[in-house]
Amino acid sequence: MTTTTKVILGLVGAAAVGAAVGLLLAPEKGSDIRKNIKDQAGKWTDRLSEMWQNGKSAAEKAASSVHGEM
């Protein structure tokens, strides 16, 4: 393994452990935490879908622009 790979794996592992500890020590009930995670995942999915559509339309626009110049 290269040093960069080790650093990345270490950071991912530390983030996972931090998230797990945070969930275990959270002052909220488990059902509330699960609801918040579900809501945030839905928001991220919507944002990712919107970004994908924007990127797709920008790529199509660029392709048609290049195609029109030929």
PDB file of N, CA and C in Angstrom:
ATOM      1  N   MET A   1       0.836  -1.179   0.000  1.00  0.00           N
ATOM      2  CA  MET A   1       0.000   0.000   0.000  1.00  0.00           C
ATOM      3  C   MET A   1       0.878   1.239   0.000  1.00  0.00           C
ATOM      4  N   THR A   2       0.435   2.239  -0.755  1.00  0.00           N
ATOM      5  CA  THR A   2       1.184   3.486  -0.758  1.00  0.00           C
ATOM      6  C   THR A   2       0.775   4.322   0.447  1.00  0.00           C
ATOM      7  N   THR A   3       1.562   5.330   0.705  1.00  0.00           N
ATOM      8  CA  THR A   3       1.289   6.210   1.838  1.00  0.00           C
ATOM      9  C   THR A   3      -0.041   6.922   1.659  1.00  0.00           C
ATOM     10  N   THR A   4      -0.324   7.345   0.440  1.00  0.00           N
ATOM     11  CA  THR A   4      -1.583   8.044   0.176  1.00  0.00           C
ATOM     12  C   THR A   4      -2.775   7.138   0.469  1.00  0.00           C
ATOM     13  N   THR A   5      -2.699   5.886   0.065  1.00  0.00           N
ATOM     14  CA  THR A   5      -3.775   4.934   0.316  1.00  0.00           C
ATOM     15  C   THR A   5      -3.970   4.723   1.811  1.00  0.00           C
ATOM     16  N   LYS A   6      -2.875   4.613   2.536  1.00  0.00           N
ATOM     17  CA  LYS A   6      -2.963   4.434   3.986  1.00  0.00           C
ATOM     18  C   LYS A   6      -3.618   5.637   4.654  1.00  0.00           C
ATOM     19  N   VAL A   7      -3.256   6.839   4.196  1.00  0.00           N
ATOM     20  CA  VAL A   7      -3.835   8.054   4.777  1.00  0.00           C
ATOM     21  C   VAL A   7      -5.331   8.111   4.496  1.00  0.00           C
ATOM     22  N   ILE A   8      -5.726   7.815   3.267  1.00  0.00           N
ATOM     23  CA  ILE A   8      -7.147   7.854   2.903  1.00  0.00           C
ATOM     24  C   ILE A   8      -7.933   6.826   3.708  1.00  0.00           C
ATOM     25  N   LEU A   9      -7.412   5.610   3.807  1.00  0.00           N
ATOM     26  CA  LEU A   9      -8.087   4.576   4.599  1.00  0.00           C
ATOM     27  C   LEU A   9      -8.173   4.977   6.067  1.00  0.00           C
ATOM     28  N   GLY A  10      -7.139   5.597   6.584  1.00  0.00           N
ATOM     29  CA  GLY A  10      -7.155   6.065   7.968  1.00  0.00           C
ATOM     30  C   GLY A  10      -8.214   7.127   8.199  1.00  0.00           C
ATOM     31  N   LEU A  11      -8.332   8.059   7.252  1.00  0.00           N
ATOM     32  CA  LEU A  11      -9.336   9.115   7.385  1.00  0.00           C
ATOM     33  C   LEU A  11     -10.751   8.552   7.290  1.00  0.00           C
ATOM     34  N   VAL A  12     -10.977   7.636   6.367  1.00  0.00           N
ATOM     35  CA  VAL A  12     -12.297   7.021   6.232  1.00  0.00           C
ATOM     36  C   VAL A  12     -12.636   6.222   7.485  1.00  0.00           C
ATOM     37  N   GLY A  13     -11.672   5.470   7.988  1.00  0.00           N
ATOM     38  CA  GLY A  13     -11.894   4.700   9.212  1.00  0.00           C
ATOM     39  C   GLY A  13     -12.193   5.587  10.404  1.00  0.00           C
ATOM     40  N   ALA A  14     -11.442   6.663  10.534  1.00  0.00           N
ATOM     41  CA  ALA A  14     -11.663   7.594  11.644  1.00  0.00           C
ATOM     42  C   ALA A  14     -13.030   8.251  11.541  1.00  0.00           C
ATOM     43  N   ALA A  15     -13.444   8.596  10.328  1.00  0.00           N
ATOM     44  CA  ALA A  15     -14.767   9.201  10.147  1.00  0.00           C
ATOM     45  C   ALA A  15     -15.868   8.212  10.518  1.00  0.00           C
ATOM     46  N   ALA A  16     -15.702   6.949  10.148  1.00  0.00           N
ATOM     47  CA  ALA A  16     -16.705   5.936  10.476  1.00  0.00           C
ATOM     48  C   ALA A  16     -16.800   5.729  11.984  1.00  0.00           C
ATOM     49  N   VAL A  17     -15.656   5.657  12.640  1.00  0.00           N
ATOM     50  CA  VAL A  17     -15.654   5.487  14.098  1.00  0.00           C
ATOM     51  C   VAL A  17     -16.269   6.709  14.767  1.00  0.00           C
ATOM     52  N   GLY A  18     -15.936   7.889  14.283  1.00  0.00           N
ATOM     53  CA  GLY A  18     -16.506   9.115  14.844  1.00  0.00           C
ATOM     54  C   GLY A  18     -18.016   9.164  14.680  1.00  0.00           C
ATOM     55  N   ALA A  19     -18.502   8.760  13.523  1.00  0.00           N
ATOM     56  CA  ALA A  19     -19.946   8.746  13.298  1.00  0.00           C
ATOM     57  C   ALA A  19     -20.628   7.741  14.217  1.00  0.00           C
ATOM     58  N   ALA A  20     -20.033   6.570  14.373  1.00  0.00           N
ATOM     59  CA  ALA A  20     -20.619   5.547  15.244  1.00  0.00           C
ATOM     60  C   ALA A  20     -20.660   6.021  16.696  1.00  0.00           C
ATOM     61  N   VAL A  21     -19.581   6.603  17.167  1.00  0.00           N
ATOM     62  CA  VAL A  21     -19.548   7.106  18.549  1.00  0.00           C
ATOM     63  C   VAL A  21     -20.557   8.233  18.716  1.00  0.00           C
ATOM     64  N   GLY A  22     -20.629   9.105  17.716  1.00  0.00           N
ATOM     65  CA  GLY A  22     -21.590  10.207  17.782  1.00  0.00           C
ATOM     66  C   GLY A  22     -23.028   9.711  17.866  1.00  0.00           C
ATOM     67  N   LEU A  23     -23.347   8.670  17.108  1.00  0.00           N
ATOM     68  CA  LEU A  23     -24.703   8.116  17.166  1.00  0.00           C
ATOM     69  C   LEU A  23     -24.978   7.453  18.511  1.00  0.00           C
ATOM     70  N   LEU A  24     -23.975   6.783  19.056  1.00  0.00           N
ATOM     71  CA  LEU A  24     -24.169   6.105  20.341  1.00  0.00           C
ATOM     72  C   LEU A  24     -24.314   7.080  21.503  1.00  0.00           C
ATOM     73  N   LEU A  25     -23.640   8.207  21.413  1.00  0.00           N
ATOM     74  CA  LEU A  25     -23.671   9.169  22.509  1.00  0.00           C
ATOM     75  C   LEU A  25     -24.624  10.332  22.264  1.00  0.00           C
ATOM     76  N   ALA A  26     -25.389  10.276  21.207  1.00  0.00           N
ATOM     77  CA  ALA A  26     -26.300  11.365  20.848  1.00  0.00           C
ATOM     78  C   ALA A  26     -27.396  11.505  21.907  1.00  0.00           C
ATOM     79  N   PRO A  27     -27.782  12.745  22.198  1.00  0.00           N
ATOM     80  CA  PRO A  27     -28.818  12.964  23.211  1.00  0.00           C
ATOM     81  C   PRO A  27     -30.236  12.693  22.701  1.00  0.00           C
ATOM     82  N   GLU A  28     -30.393  12.438  21.406  1.00  0.00           N
ATOM     83  CA  GLU A  28     -31.717  12.196  20.839  1.00  0.00           C
ATOM     84  C   GLU A  28     -32.054  10.706  20.879  1.00  0.00           C
ATOM     85  N   LYS A  29     -33.356  10.426  20.732  1.00  0.00           N
ATOM     86  CA  LYS A  29     -33.797   9.038  20.651  1.00  0.00           C
ATOM     87  C   LYS A  29     -33.364   8.456  19.315  1.00  0.00           C
ATOM     88  N   GLY A  30     -33.210   7.158  19.269  1.00  0.00           N
ATOM     89  CA  GLY A  30     -32.800   6.480  18.044  1.00  0.00           C
ATOM     90  C   GLY A  30     -33.749   6.705  16.893  1.00  0.00           C
ATOM     91  N   SER A  31     -35.054   6.716  17.187  1.00  0.00           N
ATOM     92  CA  SER A  31     -36.036   6.922  16.111  1.00  0.00           C
ATOM     93  C   SER A  31     -35.905   8.316  15.508  1.00  0.00           C
ATOM     94  N   ASP A  32     -35.599   9.307  16.339  1.00  0.00           N
ATOM     95  CA  ASP A  32     -35.405  10.672  15.835  1.00  0.00           C
ATOM     96  C   ASP A  32     -34.155  10.754  14.970  1.00  0.00           C
ATOM     97  N   ILE A  33     -33.097  10.082  15.395  1.00  0.00           N
ATOM     98  CA  ILE A  33     -31.842  10.081  14.637  1.00  0.00           C
ATOM     99  C   ILE A  33     -32.050   9.409  13.282  1.00  0.00           C
ATOM    100  N   ARG A  34     -32.746   8.266  13.293  1.00  0.00           N
ATOM    101  CA  ARG A  34     -33.007   7.572  12.026  1.00  0.00           C
ATOM    102  C   ARG A  34     -33.840   8.434  11.085  1.00  0.00           C
ATOM    103  N   LYS A  35     -34.816   9.163  11.625  1.00  0.00           N
ATOM    104  CA  LYS A  35     -35.641  10.046  10.806  1.00  0.00           C
ATOM    105  C   LYS A  35     -34.781  11.167  10.209  1.00  0.00           C
ATOM    106  N   ASN A  36     -33.900  11.740  11.011  1.00  0.00           N
ATOM    107  CA  ASN A  36     -33.018  12.801  10.517  1.00  0.00           C
ATOM    108  C   ASN A  36     -32.082  12.279   9.428  1.00  0.00           C
ATOM    109  N   ILE A  37     -31.542  11.091   9.624  1.00  0.00           N
ATOM    110  CA  ILE A  37     -30.657  10.496   8.613  1.00  0.00           C
ATOM    111  C   ILE A  37     -31.429  10.258   7.322  1.00  0.00           C
ATOM    112  N   LYS A  38     -32.649   9.742   7.442  1.00  0.00           N
ATOM    113  CA  LYS A  38     -33.483   9.495   6.260  1.00  0.00           C
ATOM    114  C   LYS A  38     -33.782  10.803   5.524  1.00  0.00           C
ATOM    115  N   ASP A  39     -34.130  11.843   6.271  1.00  0.00           N
ATOM    116  CA  ASP A  39     -34.426  13.135   5.654  1.00  0.00           C
ATOM    117  C   ASP A  39     -33.204  13.704   4.937  1.00  0.00           C
ATOM    118  N   GLN A  40     -32.051  13.637   5.599  1.00  0.00           N
ATOM    119  CA  GLN A  40     -30.828  14.161   4.987  1.00  0.00           C
ATOM    120  C   GLN A  40     -30.435  13.359   3.752  1.00  0.00           C
ATOM    121  N   ALA A  41     -30.589  12.045   3.806  1.00  0.00           N
ATOM    122  CA  ALA A  41     -30.269  11.202   2.648  1.00  0.00           C
ATOM    123  C   ALA A  41     -31.170  11.572   1.478  1.00  0.00           C
ATOM    124  N   GLY A  42     -32.444  11.836   1.752  1.00  0.00           N
ATOM    125  CA  GLY A  42     -33.374  12.245   0.700  1.00  0.00           C
ATOM    126  C   GLY A  42     -32.969  13.576   0.088  1.00  0.00           C
ATOM    127  N   LYS A  43     -32.555  14.513   0.933  1.00  0.00           N
ATOM    128  CA  LYS A  43     -32.111  15.825   0.430  1.00  0.00           C
ATOM    129  C   LYS A  43     -30.859  15.680  -0.427  1.00  0.00           C
ATOM    130  N   TRP A  44     -29.914  14.852   0.042  1.00  0.00           N
ATOM    131  CA  TRP A  44     -28.682  14.646  -0.731  1.00  0.00           C
ATOM    132  C   TRP A  44     -28.990  13.979  -2.067  1.00  0.00           C
ATOM    133  N   THR A  45     -29.931  13.040  -2.057  1.00  0.00           N
ATOM    134  CA  THR A  45     -30.320  12.365  -3.294  1.00  0.00           C
ATOM    135  C   THR A  45     -30.925  13.362  -4.274  1.00  0.00           C
ATOM    136  N   ASP A  46     -31.782  14.233  -3.762  1.00  0.00           N
ATOM    137  CA  ASP A  46     -32.393  15.249  -4.625  1.00  0.00           C
ATOM    138  C   ASP A  46     -31.331  16.186  -5.199  1.00  0.00           C
ATOM    139  N   ARG A  47     -30.391  16.621  -4.353  1.00  0.00           N
ATOM    140  CA  ARG A  47     -29.333  17.526  -4.829  1.00  0.00           C
ATOM    141  C   ARG A  47     -28.440  16.836  -5.847  1.00  0.00           C
ATOM    142  N   LEU A  48     -28.106  15.575  -5.603  1.00  0.00           N
ATOM    143  CA  LEU A  48     -27.262  14.834  -6.523  1.00  0.00           C
ATOM    144  C   LEU A  48     -27.968  14.650  -7.864  1.00  0.00           C
ATOM    145  N   SER A  49     -29.257  14.360  -7.820  1.00  0.00           N
ATOM    146  CA  SER A  49     -30.037  14.202  -9.046  1.00  0.00           C
ATOM    147  C   SER A  49     -30.076  15.517  -9.825  1.00  0.00           C
ATOM    148  N   GLU A  50     -30.266  16.614  -9.119  1.00  0.00           N
ATOM    149  CA  GLU A  50     -30.285  17.934  -9.762  1.00  0.00           C
ATOM    150  C   GLU A  50     -28.929  18.259 -10.378  1.00  0.00           C
ATOM    151  N   MET A  51     -27.863  17.973  -9.652  1.00  0.00           N
ATOM    152  CA  MET A  51     -26.516  18.225 -10.185  1.00  0.00           C
ATOM    153  C   MET A  51     -26.260  17.363 -11.412  1.00  0.00           C
ATOM    154  N   TRP A  52     -26.719  16.120 -11.388  1.00  0.00           N
ATOM    155  CA  TRP A  52     -26.546  15.212 -12.521  1.00  0.00           C
ATOM    156  C   TRP A  52     -27.271  15.765 -13.748  1.00  0.00           C
ATOM    157  N   GLN A  53     -28.500  16.211 -13.561  1.00  0.00           N
ATOM    158  CA  GLN A  53     -29.272  16.753 -14.674  1.00  0.00           C
ATOM    159  C   GLN A  53     -28.628  18.020 -15.234  1.00  0.00           C
ATOM    160  N   ASN A  54     -28.129  18.896 -14.348  1.00  0.00           N
ATOM    161  CA  ASN A  54     -27.451  20.114 -14.800  1.00  0.00           C
ATOM    162  C   ASN A  54     -26.189  19.773 -15.587  1.00  0.00           C
ATOM    163  N   GLY A  55     -25.427  18.823 -15.085  1.00  0.00           N
ATOM    164  CA  GLY A  55     -24.211  18.404 -15.784  1.00  0.00           C
ATOM    165  C   GLY A  55     -24.523  17.769 -17.125  1.00  0.00           C
ATOM    166  N   LYS A  56     -25.567  16.963 -17.153  1.00  0.00           N
ATOM    167  CA  LYS A  56     -25.966  16.304 -18.389  1.00  0.00           C
ATOM    168  C   LYS A  56     -26.395  17.325 -19.431  1.00  0.00           C
ATOM    169  N   SER A  57     -27.202  18.299 -19.025  1.00  0.00           N
ATOM    170  CA  SER A  57     -27.654  19.311 -19.988  1.00  0.00           C
ATOM    171  C   SER A  57     -26.496  20.190 -20.439  1.00  0.00           C
ATOM    172  N   ALA A  58     -25.562  20.499 -19.547  1.00  0.00           N
ATOM    173  CA  ALA A  58     -24.396  21.291 -19.933  1.00  0.00           C
ATOM    174  C   ALA A  58     -23.521  20.521 -20.913  1.00  0.00           C
ATOM    175  N   ALA A  59     -23.369  19.220 -20.700  1.00  0.00           N
ATOM    176  CA  ALA A  59     -22.572  18.397 -21.610  1.00  0.00           C
ATOM    177  C   ALA A  59     -23.245  18.301 -22.973  1.00  0.00           C
ATOM    178  N   GLU A  60     -24.574  18.140 -22.985  1.00  0.00           N
ATOM    179  CA  GLU A  60     -25.302  18.079 -24.254  1.00  0.00           C
ATOM    180  C   GLU A  60     -25.202  19.407 -25.001  1.00  0.00           C
ATOM    181  N   LYS A  61     -25.290  20.501 -24.259  1.00  0.00           N
ATOM    182  CA  LYS A  61     -25.182  21.833 -24.858  1.00  0.00           C
ATOM    183  C   LYS A  61     -23.786  22.026 -25.452  1.00  0.00           C
ATOM    184  N   ALA A  62     -22.762  21.628 -24.726  1.00  0.00           N
ATOM    185  CA  ALA A  62     -21.387  21.754 -25.213  1.00  0.00           C
ATOM    186  C   ALA A  62     -21.170  20.867 -26.439  1.00  0.00           C
ATOM    187  N   ALA A  63     -21.727  19.654 -26.397  1.00  0.00           N
ATOM    188  CA  ALA A  63     -21.572  18.739 -27.527  1.00  0.00           C
ATOM    189  C   ALA A  63     -22.251  19.287 -28.774  1.00  0.00           C
ATOM    190  N   SER A  64     -23.439  19.844 -28.615  1.00  0.00           N
ATOM    191  CA  SER A  64     -24.138  20.401 -29.772  1.00  0.00           C
ATOM    192  C   SER A  64     -23.416  21.634 -30.285  1.00  0.00           C
ATOM    193  N   SER A  65     -22.826  22.395 -29.379  1.00  0.00           N
ATOM    194  CA  SER A  65     -22.066  23.585 -29.774  1.00  0.00           C
ATOM    195  C   SER A  65     -20.831  23.172 -30.600  1.00  0.00           C
ATOM    196  N   VAL A  66     -20.127  22.169 -30.144  1.00  0.00           N
ATOM    197  CA  VAL A  66     -18.950  21.681 -30.852  1.00  0.00           C
ATOM    198  C   VAL A  66     -19.361  21.042 -32.169  1.00  0.00           C
ATOM    199  N   HIS A  67     -20.452  20.312 -32.122  1.00  0.00           N
ATOM    200  CA  HIS A  67     -20.936  19.632 -33.329  1.00  0.00           C
ATOM    201  C   HIS A  67     -21.381  20.658 -34.389  1.00  0.00           C
ATOM    202  N   GLY A  68     -21.954  21.768 -33.925  1.00  0.00           N
ATOM    203  CA  GLY A  68     -22.411  22.810 -34.842  1.00  0.00           C
ATOM    204  C   GLY A  68     -21.271  23.562 -35.503  1.00  0.00           C
ATOM    205  N   GLU A  69     -20.104  23.614 -34.868  1.00  0.00           N
ATOM    206  CA  GLU A  69     -18.956  24.325 -35.414  1.00  0.00           C
ATOM    207  C   GLU A  69     -18.217  23.497 -36.458  1.00  0.00           C
ATOM    208  N   MET A  70     -18.475  22.210 -36.518  1.00  0.00           N
ATOM    209  CA  MET A  70     -17.756  21.346 -37.462  1.00  0.00           C
ATOM    210  C   MET A  70     -18.293  21.479 -38.843  1.00  0.00           C
TER     211      MET A  70
END
